[in-house]
Amino acid sequence: MSNKQILTKAIEKAYGYDKENAESMIFLNNFLIGKGYFEVIFSHSFAKAFWGEGEAITCTVSYSFVNEGGAGTAYGGKELKKWEKHLHDMVLSEEPLKYLEKYL
């Protein structure tokens, strides 16, 4: 699928494609007029609509730190909503639209 097709289908999945649905039209129009699809797909409102709240997922998160003993990394657990976890993973993905495509 082309990037435009992926984004269009993702917006349709998240918001539906209905001329009466102003939110879907705003997102689609932002893409079509060149506002930038990253601004659309990386927004919290899009992620919530696309993946939903779901059950909280406990993730291992690393924290870098520097103190008087030196630098290091600590690990801890953090609970994320379903949409937060996917948004996090998509942001880190080399190809965010391909990440979205897997969930269409």
N, C-alpha and C. Protein backbone atom coordinates (compact mmCIF):
# COMPACT_ATOMS: atom_id res chain seq x y z
N MET A 1 0.84 -1.17 0.00
CA MET A 1 0.00 0.00 0.00
C MET A 1 0.89 1.24 0.00
N SER A 2 0.42 2.28 -0.64
CA SER A 2 1.17 3.55 -0.63
C SER A 2 0.97 4.22 0.73
N ASN A 3 1.85 5.18 1.04
CA ASN A 3 1.72 5.91 2.30
C ASN A 3 0.37 6.61 2.41
N LYS A 4 -0.09 7.18 1.31
CA LYS A 4 -1.38 7.87 1.33
C LYS A 4 -2.52 6.89 1.61
N GLN A 5 -2.46 5.70 1.01
CA GLN A 5 -3.49 4.69 1.24
C GLN A 5 -3.47 4.23 2.70
N ILE A 6 -2.27 4.02 3.24
CA ILE A 6 -2.16 3.59 4.64
C ILE A 6 -2.78 4.63 5.56
N LEU A 7 -2.40 5.89 5.35
CA LEU A 7 -2.91 6.96 6.20
C LEU A 7 -4.41 7.11 6.06
N THR A 8 -4.91 7.07 4.84
CA THR A 8 -6.35 7.20 4.62
C THR A 8 -7.11 6.08 5.32
N LYS A 9 -6.64 4.84 5.18
CA LYS A 9 -7.31 3.71 5.83
C LYS A 9 -7.21 3.79 7.35
N ALA A 10 -6.07 4.27 7.85
CA ALA A 10 -5.90 4.42 9.30
C ALA A 10 -6.87 5.46 9.84
N ILE A 11 -7.03 6.56 9.14
CA ILE A 11 -7.98 7.61 9.56
C ILE A 11 -9.40 7.08 9.51
N GLU A 12 -9.71 6.33 8.45
CA GLU A 12 -11.05 5.74 8.35
C GLU A 12 -11.30 4.78 9.49
N LYS A 13 -10.27 3.98 9.87
CA LYS A 13 -10.43 3.04 10.98
C LYS A 13 -10.65 3.79 12.29
N ALA A 14 -9.87 4.84 12.49
CA ALA A 14 -9.95 5.58 13.75
C ALA A 14 -11.23 6.39 13.88
N TYR A 15 -11.60 7.09 12.82
CA TYR A 15 -12.71 8.04 12.92
C TYR A 15 -13.88 7.75 12.01
N GLY A 16 -13.73 6.79 11.10
CA GLY A 16 -14.76 6.58 10.10
C GLY A 16 -14.61 7.64 9.03
N TYR A 17 -15.15 7.42 7.90
CA TYR A 17 -15.10 8.45 6.86
C TYR A 17 -16.52 8.85 6.55
N ASP A 18 -16.91 9.93 7.15
CA ASP A 18 -18.27 10.41 7.05
C ASP A 18 -18.20 11.93 6.97
N LYS A 19 -18.78 12.49 5.94
CA LYS A 19 -18.71 13.95 5.78
C LYS A 19 -19.33 14.66 6.98
N GLU A 20 -20.19 13.98 7.70
CA GLU A 20 -20.79 14.58 8.89
C GLU A 20 -19.84 14.51 10.08
N ASN A 21 -18.83 13.64 9.99
CA ASN A 21 -17.88 13.48 11.09
C ASN A 21 -16.75 14.49 10.91
N ALA A 22 -16.86 15.60 11.58
CA ALA A 22 -15.91 16.71 11.39
C ALA A 22 -14.49 16.31 11.74
N GLU A 23 -14.31 15.49 12.78
CA GLU A 23 -12.96 15.13 13.20
C GLU A 23 -12.23 14.36 12.12
N SER A 24 -12.90 13.41 11.47
CA SER A 24 -12.24 12.64 10.41
C SER A 24 -11.89 13.55 9.24
N MET A 25 -12.75 14.48 8.94
CA MET A 25 -12.48 15.40 7.84
C MET A 25 -11.29 16.30 8.15
N ILE A 26 -11.18 16.77 9.38
CA ILE A 26 -10.06 17.63 9.76
C ILE A 26 -8.75 16.88 9.59
N PHE A 27 -8.69 15.62 10.09
CA PHE A 27 -7.46 14.85 9.97
C PHE A 27 -7.12 14.58 8.52
N LEU A 28 -8.09 14.18 7.74
CA LEU A 28 -7.85 13.89 6.33
C LEU A 28 -7.43 15.14 5.58
N ASN A 29 -8.11 16.23 5.84
CA ASN A 29 -7.76 17.49 5.17
C ASN A 29 -6.37 17.96 5.56
N ASN A 30 -5.97 17.79 6.82
CA ASN A 30 -4.62 18.17 7.24
C ASN A 30 -3.57 17.43 6.42
N PHE A 31 -3.82 16.16 6.18
CA PHE A 31 -2.88 15.38 5.37
C PHE A 31 -2.89 15.86 3.93
N LEU A 32 -4.07 16.02 3.38
CA LEU A 32 -4.17 16.36 1.96
C LEU A 32 -3.62 17.75 1.64
N ILE A 33 -3.71 18.69 2.57
CA ILE A 33 -3.18 20.01 2.28
C ILE A 33 -1.71 20.13 2.69
N GLY A 34 -1.12 19.02 3.08
CA GLY A 34 0.31 19.02 3.34
C GLY A 34 0.74 19.47 4.71
N LYS A 35 -0.17 19.44 5.68
CA LYS A 35 0.22 19.84 7.04
C LYS A 35 1.24 18.85 7.60
N GLY A 36 1.22 17.65 7.10
CA GLY A 36 2.19 16.65 7.54
C GLY A 36 1.51 15.51 8.25
N TYR A 37 1.74 14.32 7.76
CA TYR A 37 1.07 13.17 8.37
C TYR A 37 1.65 12.82 9.73
N PHE A 38 2.91 13.19 10.02
CA PHE A 38 3.47 12.91 11.35
C PHE A 38 2.65 13.61 12.43
N GLU A 39 2.24 14.84 12.16
CA GLU A 39 1.45 15.58 13.13
C GLU A 39 0.12 14.86 13.39
N VAL A 40 -0.41 14.20 12.38
CA VAL A 40 -1.67 13.46 12.52
C VAL A 40 -1.45 12.18 13.30
N ILE A 41 -0.56 11.33 12.82
CA ILE A 41 -0.44 9.98 13.42
C ILE A 41 0.22 9.97 14.79
N PHE A 42 0.99 11.00 15.12
CA PHE A 42 1.63 11.03 16.43
C PHE A 42 0.81 11.80 17.47
N SER A 43 -0.40 12.20 17.12
CA SER A 43 -1.24 12.91 18.10
C SER A 43 -1.90 11.90 19.04
N HIS A 44 -2.11 12.34 20.26
CA HIS A 44 -2.77 11.48 21.25
C HIS A 44 -4.19 11.14 20.83
N SER A 45 -4.90 12.12 20.29
CA SER A 45 -6.29 11.87 19.92
C SER A 45 -6.40 10.82 18.82
N PHE A 46 -5.48 10.84 17.86
CA PHE A 46 -5.50 9.83 16.81
C PHE A 46 -5.18 8.45 17.40
N ALA A 47 -4.13 8.36 18.22
CA ALA A 47 -3.73 7.08 18.80
C ALA A 47 -4.86 6.48 19.64
N LYS A 48 -5.54 7.32 20.43
CA LYS A 48 -6.65 6.82 21.25
C LYS A 48 -7.78 6.29 20.36
N ALA A 49 -8.08 7.00 19.29
CA ALA A 49 -9.16 6.57 18.40
C ALA A 49 -8.76 5.32 17.62
N PHE A 50 -7.52 5.20 17.21
CA PHE A 50 -7.07 4.08 16.38
C PHE A 50 -6.92 2.80 17.19
N TRP A 51 -6.24 2.86 18.35
CA TRP A 51 -5.97 1.65 19.12
C TRP A 51 -6.89 1.47 20.32
N GLY A 52 -7.50 2.51 20.79
CA GLY A 52 -8.39 2.42 21.94
C GLY A 52 -7.64 2.41 23.26
N GLU A 53 -8.40 2.53 24.32
CA GLU A 53 -7.81 2.56 25.66
C GLU A 53 -7.22 1.20 26.03
N GLY A 54 -8.02 0.16 25.88
CA GLY A 54 -7.55 -1.18 26.22
C GLY A 54 -7.12 -1.30 27.67
N GLU A 55 -6.66 -2.47 28.03
CA GLU A 55 -6.16 -2.69 29.38
C GLU A 55 -4.76 -2.11 29.49
N ALA A 56 -4.40 -1.69 30.69
CA ALA A 56 -3.06 -1.16 30.91
C ALA A 56 -2.03 -2.27 30.70
N ILE A 57 -0.93 -1.91 30.09
CA ILE A 57 0.15 -2.85 29.82
C ILE A 57 1.34 -2.40 30.65
N THR A 58 1.96 -3.32 31.38
CA THR A 58 3.15 -2.97 32.14
C THR A 58 4.37 -3.17 31.25
N CYS A 59 5.14 -2.12 31.08
CA CYS A 59 6.31 -2.15 30.21
C CYS A 59 7.57 -1.90 31.03
N THR A 60 8.67 -2.41 30.56
CA THR A 60 9.95 -2.10 31.18
C THR A 60 10.49 -0.86 30.50
N VAL A 61 10.82 0.11 31.30
CA VAL A 61 11.31 1.38 30.79
C VAL A 61 12.71 1.61 31.34
N SER A 62 13.62 2.06 30.49
CA SER A 62 14.97 2.36 30.96
C SER A 62 15.11 3.85 31.19
N TYR A 63 15.84 4.19 32.22
CA TYR A 63 16.10 5.57 32.57
C TYR A 63 17.62 5.77 32.64
N SER A 64 18.12 6.73 31.90
CA SER A 64 19.52 7.07 32.00
C SER A 64 19.68 8.09 33.11
N PHE A 65 20.80 8.00 33.82
CA PHE A 65 21.02 8.95 34.90
C PHE A 65 22.50 9.26 35.02
N VAL A 66 22.76 10.38 35.64
CA VAL A 66 24.12 10.79 35.99
C VAL A 66 24.06 11.28 37.43
N ASN A 67 24.93 10.74 38.25
CA ASN A 67 25.03 11.23 39.63
C ASN A 67 26.50 11.28 40.02
N GLU A 68 26.76 11.56 41.28
CA GLU A 68 28.16 11.70 41.68
C GLU A 68 28.95 10.40 41.54
N GLY A 69 28.26 9.29 41.47
CA GLY A 69 28.94 8.01 41.28
C GLY A 69 29.19 7.68 39.81
N GLY A 70 28.69 8.49 38.91
CA GLY A 70 28.87 8.25 37.48
C GLY A 70 27.54 8.17 36.76
N ALA A 71 27.61 7.69 35.55
CA ALA A 71 26.41 7.56 34.73
C ALA A 71 25.96 6.10 34.72
N GLY A 72 24.70 5.90 34.42
CA GLY A 72 24.20 4.53 34.35
C GLY A 72 22.80 4.48 33.80
N THR A 73 22.25 3.30 33.85
CA THR A 73 20.88 3.08 33.38
C THR A 73 20.14 2.28 34.44
N ALA A 74 18.93 2.71 34.73
CA ALA A 74 18.07 1.98 35.65
C ALA A 74 16.85 1.51 34.88
N TYR A 75 16.24 0.45 35.33
CA TYR A 75 15.06 -0.09 34.68
C TYR A 75 13.91 -0.14 35.67
N GLY A 76 12.73 0.12 35.18
CA GLY A 76 11.55 0.07 36.04
C GLY A 76 10.32 -0.26 35.22
N GLY A 77 9.26 -0.59 35.90
CA GLY A 77 8.01 -0.89 35.22
C GLY A 77 7.12 0.34 35.15
N LYS A 78 6.39 0.45 34.08
CA LYS A 78 5.46 1.57 33.92
C LYS A 78 4.22 1.03 33.23
N GLU A 79 3.07 1.45 33.73
CA GLU A 79 1.82 1.03 33.11
C GLU A 79 1.42 2.03 32.03
N LEU A 80 1.13 1.51 30.85
CA LEU A 80 0.69 2.34 29.74
C LEU A 80 -0.64 1.82 29.23
N LYS A 81 -1.49 2.72 28.76
CA LYS A 81 -2.71 2.31 28.07
C LYS A 81 -2.30 1.70 26.74
N LYS A 82 -3.21 0.95 26.14
CA LYS A 82 -2.93 0.30 24.85
C LYS A 82 -2.45 1.32 23.81
N TRP A 83 -3.18 2.44 23.71
CA TRP A 83 -2.82 3.45 22.71
C TRP A 83 -1.46 4.07 23.00
N GLU A 84 -1.12 4.24 24.29
CA GLU A 84 0.17 4.83 24.66
C GLU A 84 1.32 3.92 24.25
N LYS A 85 1.14 2.62 24.48
CA LYS A 85 2.19 1.65 24.13
C LYS A 85 2.42 1.65 22.62
N HIS A 86 1.32 1.60 21.84
CA HIS A 86 1.47 1.60 20.39
C HIS A 86 2.06 2.91 19.87
N LEU A 87 1.63 4.02 20.45
CA LEU A 87 2.17 5.31 20.03
C LEU A 87 3.67 5.37 20.31
N HIS A 88 4.07 4.91 21.47
CA HIS A 88 5.49 4.84 21.83
C HIS A 88 6.27 4.01 20.82
N ASP A 89 5.75 2.82 20.53
CA ASP A 89 6.44 1.92 19.58
C ASP A 89 6.48 2.52 18.18
N MET A 90 5.40 3.17 17.77
CA MET A 90 5.36 3.77 16.44
C MET A 90 6.36 4.92 16.32
N VAL A 91 6.47 5.72 17.37
CA VAL A 91 7.43 6.83 17.35
C VAL A 91 8.85 6.31 17.18
N LEU A 92 9.14 5.18 17.79
CA LEU A 92 10.48 4.61 17.71
C LEU A 92 10.72 3.82 16.42
N SER A 93 9.65 3.52 15.70
CA SER A 93 9.74 2.74 14.47
C SER A 93 10.44 3.55 13.37
N GLU A 94 11.23 2.86 12.57
CA GLU A 94 11.89 3.52 11.43
C GLU A 94 10.88 3.92 10.37
N GLU A 95 9.80 3.17 10.25
CA GLU A 95 8.76 3.46 9.27
C GLU A 95 7.39 3.47 9.97
N PRO A 96 7.01 4.62 10.53
CA PRO A 96 5.77 4.68 11.30
C PRO A 96 4.52 4.29 10.53
N LEU A 97 4.44 4.62 9.25
CA LEU A 97 3.25 4.24 8.48
C LEU A 97 3.18 2.73 8.28
N LYS A 98 4.32 2.09 8.12
CA LYS A 98 4.33 0.62 8.02
C LYS A 98 3.91 0.00 9.35
N TYR A 99 4.26 0.64 10.46
CA TYR A 99 3.81 0.17 11.77
C TYR A 99 2.29 0.24 11.83
N LEU A 100 1.71 1.36 11.39
CA LEU A 100 0.26 1.50 11.36
C LEU A 100 -0.39 0.46 10.47
N GLU A 101 0.23 0.20 9.32
CA GLU A 101 -0.34 -0.73 8.35
C GLU A 101 -0.60 -2.10 8.94
N LYS A 102 0.25 -2.52 9.90
CA LYS A 102 0.08 -3.84 10.52
C LYS A 102 -1.24 -3.96 11.27
N TYR A 103 -1.83 -2.84 11.65
CA TYR A 103 -3.07 -2.86 12.47
C TYR A 103 -4.31 -2.47 11.70
N LEU A 104 -4.21 -2.39 10.39
CA LEU A 104 -5.38 -2.05 9.57
C LEU A 104 -6.22 -3.28 9.32
